[in-house]
Amino acid sequence: MKKSGIFAGLLAATLSFGAMAKDPCGTELCLSDYEMAMQGGMCKQHIDDFFSIIKYRKDKFSPSKTLKARTDYLNKCESGNSSDKARILAKYGSILKP
């Protein structure tokens, strides 16, 4: 099966139960393939939840504190893939929304 088919199936299953509340597992799934996730629009809330985690130090954006807070958020998903989390955090953990 193609990667996109697997992704779509897992995404639909994850989003069906977590659409209203912040869901770190849904966020991890969506950010594991950000470009594909943005095409369908089903991941908008999960991606917004992740990028809404922003920390400041002395009224300035703090990349290191933001990374720690986003790491804590993604680690709430116990069933997630640690290598996916590491890749997501390396790419998006300490930046504002791309």
PDB file of N, CA and C in Angstrom:
ATOM      1  N   MET A   1       0.842  -1.177   0.000  1.00  0.00           N
ATOM      2  CA  MET A   1       0.000   0.000   0.000  1.00  0.00           C
ATOM      3  C   MET A   1       0.889   1.242   0.000  1.00  0.00           C
ATOM      4  N   LYS A   2       0.459   2.266  -0.668  1.00  0.00           N
ATOM      5  CA  LYS A   2       1.233   3.491  -0.745  1.00  0.00           C
ATOM      6  C   LYS A   2       1.273   4.187   0.611  1.00  0.00           C
ATOM      7  N   LYS A   3       2.326   4.939   0.822  1.00  0.00           N
ATOM      8  CA  LYS A   3       2.492   5.680   2.067  1.00  0.00           C
ATOM      9  C   LYS A   3       1.314   6.612   2.310  1.00  0.00           C
ATOM     10  N   SER A   4       0.829   7.260   1.258  1.00  0.00           N
ATOM     11  CA  SER A   4      -0.273   8.195   1.424  1.00  0.00           C
ATOM     12  C   SER A   4      -1.548   7.486   1.864  1.00  0.00           C
ATOM     13  N   GLY A   5      -1.772   6.259   1.403  1.00  0.00           N
ATOM     14  CA  GLY A   5      -2.956   5.502   1.808  1.00  0.00           C
ATOM     15  C   GLY A   5      -2.894   5.116   3.276  1.00  0.00           C
ATOM     16  N   ILE A   6      -1.735   4.691   3.709  1.00  0.00           N
ATOM     17  CA  ILE A   6      -1.546   4.343   5.116  1.00  0.00           C
ATOM     18  C   ILE A   6      -1.717   5.584   5.976  1.00  0.00           C
ATOM     19  N   PHE A   7      -1.093   6.672   5.560  1.00  0.00           N
ATOM     20  CA  PHE A   7      -1.181   7.933   6.298  1.00  0.00           C
ATOM     21  C   PHE A   7      -2.629   8.383   6.421  1.00  0.00           C
ATOM     22  N   ALA A   8      -3.371   8.352   5.333  1.00  0.00           N
ATOM     23  CA  ALA A   8      -4.768   8.793   5.351  1.00  0.00           C
ATOM     24  C   ALA A   8      -5.614   7.930   6.272  1.00  0.00           C
ATOM     25  N   GLY A   9      -5.395   6.625   6.254  1.00  0.00           N
ATOM     26  CA  GLY A   9      -6.155   5.728   7.124  1.00  0.00           C
ATOM     27  C   GLY A   9      -5.864   5.967   8.594  1.00  0.00           C
ATOM     28  N   LEU A  10      -4.590   6.083   8.938  1.00  0.00           N
ATOM     29  CA  LEU A  10      -4.225   6.346  10.326  1.00  0.00           C
ATOM     30  C   LEU A  10      -4.706   7.711  10.782  1.00  0.00           C
ATOM     31  N   LEU A  11      -4.612   8.677   9.899  1.00  0.00           N
ATOM     32  CA  LEU A  11      -5.056  10.024  10.226  1.00  0.00           C
ATOM     33  C   LEU A  11      -6.547  10.060  10.503  1.00  0.00           C
ATOM     34  N   ALA A  12      -7.336   9.428   9.663  1.00  0.00           N
ATOM     35  CA  ALA A  12      -8.783   9.401   9.859  1.00  0.00           C
ATOM     36  C   ALA A  12      -9.144   8.730  11.174  1.00  0.00           C
ATOM     37  N   ALA A  13      -8.472   7.645  11.496  1.00  0.00           N
ATOM     38  CA  ALA A  13      -8.739   6.942  12.749  1.00  0.00           C
ATOM     39  C   ALA A  13      -8.379   7.799  13.953  1.00  0.00           C
ATOM     40  N   THR A  14      -7.258   8.476  13.879  1.00  0.00           N
ATOM     41  CA  THR A  14      -6.820   9.310  14.992  1.00  0.00           C
ATOM     42  C   THR A  14      -7.710  10.525  15.165  1.00  0.00           C
ATOM     43  N   LEU A  15      -8.051  11.178  14.076  1.00  0.00           N
ATOM     44  CA  LEU A  15      -8.827  12.402  14.157  1.00  0.00           C
ATOM     45  C   LEU A  15     -10.268  12.156  14.537  1.00  0.00           C
ATOM     46  N   SER A  16     -10.779  10.976  14.329  1.00  0.00           N
ATOM     47  CA  SER A  16     -12.181  10.708  14.620  1.00  0.00           C
ATOM     48  C   SER A  16     -12.494  10.795  16.107  1.00  0.00           C
ATOM     49  N   PHE A  17     -11.515  10.520  16.969  1.00  0.00           N
ATOM     50  CA  PHE A  17     -11.795  10.582  18.396  1.00  0.00           C
ATOM     51  C   PHE A  17     -11.191  11.799  19.081  1.00  0.00           C
ATOM     52  N   GLY A  18     -10.323  12.543  18.425  1.00  0.00           N
ATOM     53  CA  GLY A  18      -9.639  13.629  19.107  1.00  0.00           C
ATOM     54  C   GLY A  18      -9.833  14.983  18.471  1.00  0.00           C
ATOM     55  N   ALA A  19     -10.921  15.191  17.779  1.00  0.00           N
ATOM     56  CA  ALA A  19     -11.088  16.422  17.024  1.00  0.00           C
ATOM     57  C   ALA A  19     -11.293  17.637  17.917  1.00  0.00           C
ATOM     58  N   MET A  20     -11.848  17.463  19.094  1.00  0.00           N
ATOM     59  CA  MET A  20     -12.176  18.606  19.934  1.00  0.00           C
ATOM     60  C   MET A  20     -11.054  18.972  20.914  1.00  0.00           C
ATOM     61  N   ALA A  21     -10.388  18.006  21.475  1.00  0.00           N
ATOM     62  CA  ALA A  21      -9.361  18.262  22.481  1.00  0.00           C
ATOM     63  C   ALA A  21      -7.978  18.190  21.860  1.00  0.00           C
ATOM     64  N   LYS A  22      -7.027  18.829  22.506  1.00  0.00           N
ATOM     65  CA  LYS A  22      -5.652  18.725  22.036  1.00  0.00           C
ATOM     66  C   LYS A  22      -5.220  17.272  22.121  1.00  0.00           C
ATOM     67  N   ASP A  23      -4.636  16.789  21.061  1.00  0.00           N
ATOM     68  CA  ASP A  23      -4.272  15.379  20.957  1.00  0.00           C
ATOM     69  C   ASP A  23      -2.834  15.263  20.475  1.00  0.00           C
ATOM     70  N   PRO A  24      -1.888  15.010  21.378  1.00  0.00           N
ATOM     71  CA  PRO A  24      -0.491  14.925  20.955  1.00  0.00           C
ATOM     72  C   PRO A  24      -0.223  13.797  19.961  1.00  0.00           C
ATOM     73  N   CYS A  25      -0.987  12.707  20.029  1.00  0.00           N
ATOM     74  CA  CYS A  25      -0.786  11.610  19.068  1.00  0.00           C
ATOM     75  C   CYS A  25      -1.221  12.047  17.664  1.00  0.00           C
ATOM     76  N   GLY A  26      -2.323  12.774  17.579  1.00  0.00           N
ATOM     77  CA  GLY A  26      -2.766  13.301  16.293  1.00  0.00           C
ATOM     78  C   GLY A  26      -1.782  14.321  15.748  1.00  0.00           C
ATOM     79  N   THR A  27      -1.234  15.123  16.645  1.00  0.00           N
ATOM     80  CA  THR A  27      -0.240  16.108  16.241  1.00  0.00           C
ATOM     81  C   THR A  27       1.001  15.414  15.695  1.00  0.00           C
ATOM     82  N   GLU A  28       1.455  14.380  16.384  1.00  0.00           N
ATOM     83  CA  GLU A  28       2.633  13.640  15.908  1.00  0.00           C
ATOM     84  C   GLU A  28       2.371  13.034  14.539  1.00  0.00           C
ATOM     85  N   LEU A  29       1.216  12.448  14.376  1.00  0.00           N
ATOM     86  CA  LEU A  29       0.868  11.831  13.099  1.00  0.00           C
ATOM     87  C   LEU A  29       0.839  12.879  11.988  1.00  0.00           C
ATOM     88  N   CYS A  30       0.226  14.007  12.252  1.00  0.00           N
ATOM     89  CA  CYS A  30       0.133  15.053  11.231  1.00  0.00           C
ATOM     90  C   CYS A  30       1.497  15.644  10.888  1.00  0.00           C
ATOM     91  N   LEU A  31       2.318  15.894  11.893  1.00  0.00           N
ATOM     92  CA  LEU A  31       3.617  16.507  11.635  1.00  0.00           C
ATOM     93  C   LEU A  31       4.641  15.522  11.079  1.00  0.00           C
ATOM     94  N   SER A  32       4.336  14.240  11.133  1.00  0.00           N
ATOM     95  CA  SER A  32       5.272  13.280  10.555  1.00  0.00           C
ATOM     96  C   SER A  32       5.326  13.412   9.039  1.00  0.00           C
ATOM     97  N   ASP A  33       4.293  13.980   8.447  1.00  0.00           N
ATOM     98  CA  ASP A  33       4.287  14.287   7.009  1.00  0.00           C
ATOM     99  C   ASP A  33       3.546  15.607   6.821  1.00  0.00           C
ATOM    100  N   TYR A  34       4.187  16.692   7.205  1.00  0.00           N
ATOM    101  CA  TYR A  34       3.579  18.015   7.253  1.00  0.00           C
ATOM    102  C   TYR A  34       3.002  18.449   5.907  1.00  0.00           C
ATOM    103  N   GLU A  35       3.746  18.262   4.830  1.00  0.00           N
ATOM    104  CA  GLU A  35       3.290  18.719   3.519  1.00  0.00           C
ATOM    105  C   GLU A  35       2.000  18.001   3.112  1.00  0.00           C
ATOM    106  N   MET A  36       1.955  16.693   3.303  1.00  0.00           N
ATOM    107  CA  MET A  36       0.763  15.935   2.950  1.00  0.00           C
ATOM    108  C   MET A  36      -0.405  16.327   3.871  1.00  0.00           C
ATOM    109  N   ALA A  37      -0.107  16.531   5.140  1.00  0.00           N
ATOM    110  CA  ALA A  37      -1.149  16.886   6.096  1.00  0.00           C
ATOM    111  C   ALA A  37      -1.802  18.219   5.736  1.00  0.00           C
ATOM    112  N   MET A  38      -1.024  19.161   5.261  1.00  0.00           N
ATOM    113  CA  MET A  38      -1.567  20.479   4.927  1.00  0.00           C
ATOM    114  C   MET A  38      -2.413  20.437   3.662  1.00  0.00           C
ATOM    115  N   GLN A  39      -2.226  19.460   2.814  1.00  0.00           N
ATOM    116  CA  GLN A  39      -3.011  19.354   1.591  1.00  0.00           C
ATOM    117  C   GLN A  39      -4.455  18.980   1.885  1.00  0.00           C
ATOM    118  N   GLY A  40      -4.665  18.069   2.820  1.00  0.00           N
ATOM    119  CA  GLY A  40      -6.007  17.587   3.116  1.00  0.00           C
ATOM    120  C   GLY A  40      -6.788  18.484   4.048  1.00  0.00           C
ATOM    121  N   GLY A  41      -6.132  19.254   4.864  1.00  0.00           N
ATOM    122  CA  GLY A  41      -6.802  20.149   5.783  1.00  0.00           C
ATOM    123  C   GLY A  41      -7.298  19.475   7.055  1.00  0.00           C
ATOM    124  N   MET A  42      -7.204  18.142   7.136  1.00  0.00           N
ATOM    125  CA  MET A  42      -7.692  17.432   8.314  1.00  0.00           C
ATOM    126  C   MET A  42      -6.776  17.634   9.516  1.00  0.00           C
ATOM    127  N   CYS A  43      -5.595  18.126   9.293  1.00  0.00           N
ATOM    128  CA  CYS A  43      -4.608  18.276  10.363  1.00  0.00           C
ATOM    129  C   CYS A  43      -4.485  19.701  10.882  1.00  0.00           C
ATOM    130  N   LYS A  44      -5.241  20.607  10.339  1.00  0.00           N
ATOM    131  CA  LYS A  44      -5.072  22.012  10.690  1.00  0.00           C
ATOM    132  C   LYS A  44      -5.094  22.240  12.201  1.00  0.00           C
ATOM    133  N   GLN A  45      -6.082  21.684  12.901  1.00  0.00           N
ATOM    134  CA  GLN A  45      -6.193  21.911  14.339  1.00  0.00           C
ATOM    135  C   GLN A  45      -5.017  21.305  15.092  1.00  0.00           C
ATOM    136  N   HIS A  46      -4.590  20.121  14.708  1.00  0.00           N
ATOM    137  CA  HIS A  46      -3.453  19.480  15.384  1.00  0.00           C
ATOM    138  C   HIS A  46      -2.177  20.283  15.185  1.00  0.00           C
ATOM    139  N   ILE A  47      -1.969  20.766  13.986  1.00  0.00           N
ATOM    140  CA  ILE A  47      -0.775  21.560  13.699  1.00  0.00           C
ATOM    141  C   ILE A  47      -0.849  22.903  14.412  1.00  0.00           C
ATOM    142  N   ASP A  48      -2.036  23.516  14.424  1.00  0.00           N
ATOM    143  CA  ASP A  48      -2.210  24.774  15.153  1.00  0.00           C
ATOM    144  C   ASP A  48      -1.969  24.583  16.649  1.00  0.00           C
ATOM    145  N   ASP A  49      -2.434  23.448  17.197  1.00  0.00           N
ATOM    146  CA  ASP A  49      -2.205  23.161  18.618  1.00  0.00           C
ATOM    147  C   ASP A  49      -0.708  23.117  18.919  1.00  0.00           C
ATOM    148  N   PHE A  50       0.054  22.445  18.075  1.00  0.00           N
ATOM    149  CA  PHE A  50       1.492  22.330  18.277  1.00  0.00           C
ATOM    150  C   PHE A  50       2.177  23.689  18.198  1.00  0.00           C
ATOM    151  N   PHE A  51       1.865  24.449  17.159  1.00  0.00           N
ATOM    152  CA  PHE A  51       2.543  25.734  16.969  1.00  0.00           C
ATOM    153  C   PHE A  51       2.007  26.832  17.881  1.00  0.00           C
ATOM    154  N   SER A  52       0.904  26.564  18.585  1.00  0.00           N
ATOM    155  CA  SER A  52       0.421  27.546  19.565  1.00  0.00           C
ATOM    156  C   SER A  52       1.214  27.459  20.861  1.00  0.00           C
ATOM    157  N   ILE A  53       2.018  26.423  20.999  1.00  0.00           N
ATOM    158  CA  ILE A  53       2.891  26.287  22.173  1.00  0.00           C
ATOM    159  C   ILE A  53       4.114  27.157  21.915  1.00  0.00           C
ATOM    160  N   ILE A  54       4.118  28.325  22.526  1.00  0.00           N
ATOM    161  CA  ILE A  54       5.200  29.295  22.344  1.00  0.00           C
ATOM    162  C   ILE A  54       5.583  29.818  23.721  1.00  0.00           C
ATOM    163  N   LYS A  55       6.847  29.791  24.021  1.00  0.00           N
ATOM    164  CA  LYS A  55       7.348  30.273  25.307  1.00  0.00           C
ATOM    165  C   LYS A  55       8.239  31.490  25.087  1.00  0.00           C
ATOM    166  N   TYR A  56       8.238  32.354  26.105  1.00  0.00           N
ATOM    167  CA  TYR A  56       8.980  33.603  26.028  1.00  0.00           C
ATOM    168  C   TYR A  56       9.933  33.718  27.206  1.00  0.00           C
ATOM    169  N   ARG A  57      10.988  34.487  26.992  1.00  0.00           N
ATOM    170  CA  ARG A  57      11.918  34.862  28.054  1.00  0.00           C
ATOM    171  C   ARG A  57      12.113  36.367  27.929  1.00  0.00           C
ATOM    172  N   LYS A  58      11.776  37.062  28.970  1.00  0.00           N
ATOM    173  CA  LYS A  58      11.867  38.529  28.989  1.00  0.00           C
ATOM    174  C   LYS A  58      11.174  39.136  27.771  1.00  0.00           C
ATOM    175  N   ASP A  59       9.954  38.704  27.522  1.00  0.00           N
ATOM    176  CA  ASP A  59       9.097  39.206  26.442  1.00  0.00           C
ATOM    177  C   ASP A  59       9.626  38.939  25.037  1.00  0.00           C
ATOM    178  N   LYS A  60      10.605  38.050  24.897  1.00  0.00           N
ATOM    179  CA  LYS A  60      11.109  37.670  23.585  1.00  0.00           C
ATOM    180  C   LYS A  60      10.901  36.172  23.395  1.00  0.00           C
ATOM    181  N   PHE A  61      10.633  35.778  22.168  1.00  0.00           N
ATOM    182  CA  PHE A  61      10.463  34.374  21.841  1.00  0.00           C
ATOM    183  C   PHE A  61      11.693  33.580  22.282  1.00  0.00           C
ATOM    184  N   SER A  62      11.463  32.484  23.002  1.00  0.00           N
ATOM    185  CA  SER A  62      12.551  31.635  23.477  1.00  0.00           C
ATOM    186  C   SER A  62      12.499  30.292  22.757  1.00  0.00           C
ATOM    187  N   PRO A  63      13.363  30.087  21.777  1.00  0.00           N
ATOM    188  CA  PRO A  63      13.385  28.802  21.068  1.00  0.00           C
ATOM    189  C   PRO A  63      13.627  27.612  21.995  1.00  0.00           C
ATOM    190  N   SER A  64      14.513  27.742  22.975  1.00  0.00           N
ATOM    191  CA  SER A  64      14.832  26.614  23.856  1.00  0.00           C
ATOM    192  C   SER A  64      13.664  26.255  24.769  1.00  0.00           C
ATOM    193  N   LYS A  65      12.990  27.243  25.318  1.00  0.00           N
ATOM    194  CA  LYS A  65      11.826  26.968  26.170  1.00  0.00           C
ATOM    195  C   LYS A  65      10.653  26.442  25.354  1.00  0.00           C
ATOM    196  N   THR A  66      10.511  26.951  24.145  1.00  0.00           N
ATOM    197  CA  THR A  66       9.456  26.468  23.259  1.00  0.00           C
ATOM    198  C   THR A  66       9.716  25.009  22.897  1.00  0.00           C
ATOM    199  N   LEU A  67      10.954  24.674  22.589  1.00  0.00           N
ATOM    200  CA  LEU A  67      11.311  23.296  22.275  1.00  0.00           C
ATOM    201  C   LEU A  67      10.994  22.373  23.447  1.00  0.00           C
ATOM    202  N   LYS A  68      11.329  22.771  24.656  1.00  0.00           N
ATOM    203  CA  LYS A  68      11.052  21.940  25.828  1.00  0.00           C
ATOM    204  C   LYS A  68       9.556  21.733  26.004  1.00  0.00           C
ATOM    205  N   ALA A  69       8.768  22.793  25.862  1.00  0.00           N
ATOM    206  CA  ALA A  69       7.316  22.680  26.028  1.00  0.00           C
ATOM    207  C   ALA A  69       6.698  21.796  24.946  1.00  0.00           C
ATOM    208  N   ARG A  70       7.166  21.936  23.724  1.00  0.00           N
ATOM    209  CA  ARG A  70       6.648  21.104  22.628  1.00  0.00           C
ATOM    210  C   ARG A  70       7.081  19.653  22.793  1.00  0.00           C
ATOM    211  N   THR A  71       8.290  19.436  23.317  1.00  0.00           N
ATOM    212  CA  THR A  71       8.748  18.080  23.600  1.00  0.00           C
ATOM    213  C   THR A  71       7.856  17.437  24.655  1.00  0.00           C
ATOM    214  N   ASP A  72       7.565  18.174  25.710  1.00  0.00           N
ATOM    215  CA  ASP A  72       6.684  17.666  26.767  1.00  0.00           C
ATOM    216  C   ASP A  72       5.314  17.325  26.205  1.00  0.00           C
ATOM    217  N   TYR A  73       4.801  18.169  25.321  1.00  0.00           N
ATOM    218  CA  TYR A  73       3.494  17.926  24.711  1.00  0.00           C
ATOM    219  C   TYR A  73       3.501  16.644  23.875  1.00  0.00           C
ATOM    220  N   LEU A  74       4.479  16.494  22.984  1.00  0.00           N
ATOM    221  CA  LEU A  74       4.524  15.296  22.139  1.00  0.00           C
ATOM    222  C   LEU A  74       4.770  14.029  22.954  1.00  0.00           C
ATOM    223  N   ASN A  75       5.510  14.148  24.040  1.00  0.00           N
ATOM    224  CA  ASN A  75       5.786  12.967  24.869  1.00  0.00           C
ATOM    225  C   ASN A  75       4.559  12.490  25.638  1.00  0.00           C
ATOM    226  N   LYS A  76       3.494  13.251  25.638  1.00  0.00           N
ATOM    227  CA  LYS A  76       2.242  12.798  26.243  1.00  0.00           C
ATOM    228  C   LYS A  76       1.613  11.690  25.413  1.00  0.00           C
ATOM    229  N   CYS A  77       2.042  11.555  24.169  1.00  0.00           N
ATOM    230  CA  CYS A  77       1.574  10.462  23.323  1.00  0.00           C
ATOM    231  C   CYS A  77       2.491   9.267  23.572  1.00  0.00           C
ATOM    232  N   GLU A  78       2.040   8.374  24.433  1.00  0.00           N
ATOM    233  CA  GLU A  78       2.859   7.236  24.827  1.00  0.00           C
ATOM    234  C   GLU A  78       3.017   6.213  23.709  1.00  0.00           C
ATOM    235  N   SER A  79       2.045   6.150  22.813  1.00  0.00           N
ATOM    236  CA  SER A  79       2.100   5.138  21.757  1.00  0.00           C
ATOM    237  C   SER A  79       2.863   5.611  20.523  1.00  0.00           C
ATOM    238  N   GLY A  80       3.371   6.816  20.559  1.00  0.00           N
ATOM    239  CA  GLY A  80       4.048   7.370  19.396  1.00  0.00           C
ATOM    240  C   GLY A  80       5.409   6.761  19.138  1.00  0.00           C
ATOM    241  N   ASN A  81       5.968   7.142  18.004  1.00  0.00           N
ATOM    242  CA  ASN A  81       7.263   6.655  17.556  1.00  0.00           C
ATOM    243  C   ASN A  81       8.329   7.663  17.986  1.00  0.00           C
ATOM    244  N   SER A  82       9.283   7.241  18.793  1.00  0.00           N
ATOM    245  CA  SER A  82      10.280   8.166  19.320  1.00  0.00           C
ATOM    246  C   SER A  82      11.157   8.770  18.232  1.00  0.00           C
ATOM    247  N   SER A  83      11.433   8.022  17.164  1.00  0.00           N
ATOM    248  CA  SER A  83      12.255   8.592  16.093  1.00  0.00           C
ATOM    249  C   SER A  83      11.468   9.642  15.310  1.00  0.00           C
ATOM    250  N   ASP A  84      10.152   9.437  15.143  1.00  0.00           N
ATOM    251  CA  ASP A  84       9.321  10.467  14.504  1.00  0.00           C
ATOM    252  C   ASP A  84       9.273  11.722  15.370  1.00  0.00           C
ATOM    253  N   LYS A  85       9.114  11.533  16.671  1.00  0.00           N
ATOM    254  CA  LYS A  85       9.085  12.686  17.581  1.00  0.00           C
ATOM    255  C   LYS A  85      10.389  13.468  17.488  1.00  0.00           C
ATOM    256  N   ALA A  86      11.505  12.766  17.501  1.00  0.00           N
ATOM    257  CA  ALA A  86      12.809  13.429  17.431  1.00  0.00           C
ATOM    258  C   ALA A  86      12.957  14.207  16.127  1.00  0.00           C
ATOM    259  N   ARG A  87      12.517  13.609  15.028  1.00  0.00           N
ATOM    260  CA  ARG A  87      12.607  14.280  13.725  1.00  0.00           C
ATOM    261  C   ARG A  87      11.704  15.517  13.683  1.00  0.00           C
ATOM    262  N   ILE A  88      10.493  15.389  14.208  1.00  0.00           N
ATOM    263  CA  ILE A  88       9.544  16.517  14.255  1.00  0.00           C
ATOM    264  C   ILE A  88      10.114  17.647  15.095  1.00  0.00           C
ATOM    265  N   LEU A  89      10.623  17.308  16.263  1.00  0.00           N
ATOM    266  CA  LEU A  89      11.154  18.340  17.154  1.00  0.00           C
ATOM    267  C   LEU A  89      12.417  18.980  16.597  1.00  0.00           C
ATOM    268  N   ALA A  90      13.232  18.224  15.889  1.00  0.00           N
ATOM    269  CA  ALA A  90      14.433  18.794  15.275  1.00  0.00           C
ATOM    270  C   ALA A  90      14.055  19.806  14.190  1.00  0.00           C
ATOM    271  N   LYS A  91      12.984  19.525  13.488  1.00  0.00           N
ATOM    272  CA  LYS A  91      12.597  20.390  12.374  1.00  0.00           C
ATOM    273  C   LYS A  91      11.698  21.552  12.818  1.00  0.00           C
ATOM    274  N   TYR A  92      10.735  21.272  13.718  1.00  0.00           N
ATOM    275  CA  TYR A  92       9.702  22.267  14.051  1.00  0.00           C
ATOM    276  C   TYR A  92       9.682  22.673  15.528  1.00  0.00           C
ATOM    277  N   GLY A  93      10.481  22.046  16.358  1.00  0.00           N
ATOM    278  CA  GLY A  93      10.372  22.245  17.790  1.00  0.00           C
ATOM    279  C   GLY A  93      10.664  23.631  18.317  1.00  0.00           C
ATOM    280  N   SER A  94      11.561  24.342  17.675  1.00  0.00           N
ATOM    281  CA  SER A  94      11.973  25.641  18.219  1.00  0.00           C
ATOM    282  C   SER A  94      11.735  26.800  17.251  1.00  0.00           C
ATOM    283  N   ILE A  95      10.790  26.620  16.353  1.00  0.00           N
ATOM    284  CA  ILE A  95      10.490  27.697  15.392  1.00  0.00           C
ATOM    285  C   ILE A  95       9.043  28.125  15.520  1.00  0.00           C
ATOM    286  N   LEU A  96       8.749  29.273  14.979  1.00  0.00           N
ATOM    287  CA  LEU A  96       7.359  29.688  14.846  1.00  0.00           C
ATOM    288  C   LEU A  96       6.775  28.948  13.644  1.00  0.00           C
ATOM    289  N   LYS A  97       5.486  28.987  13.476  1.00  0.00           N
ATOM    290  CA  LYS A  97       4.831  28.214  12.416  1.00  0.00           C
ATOM    291  C   LYS A  97       5.386  28.579  11.044  1.00  0.00           C
ATOM    292  N   PRO A  98       5.761  27.524  10.261  1.00  0.00           N
ATOM    293  CA  PRO A  98       6.320  27.794   8.929  1.00  0.00           C
ATOM    294  C   PRO A  98       5.272  28.344   7.967  1.00  0.00           C
TER     295      PRO A  98
END
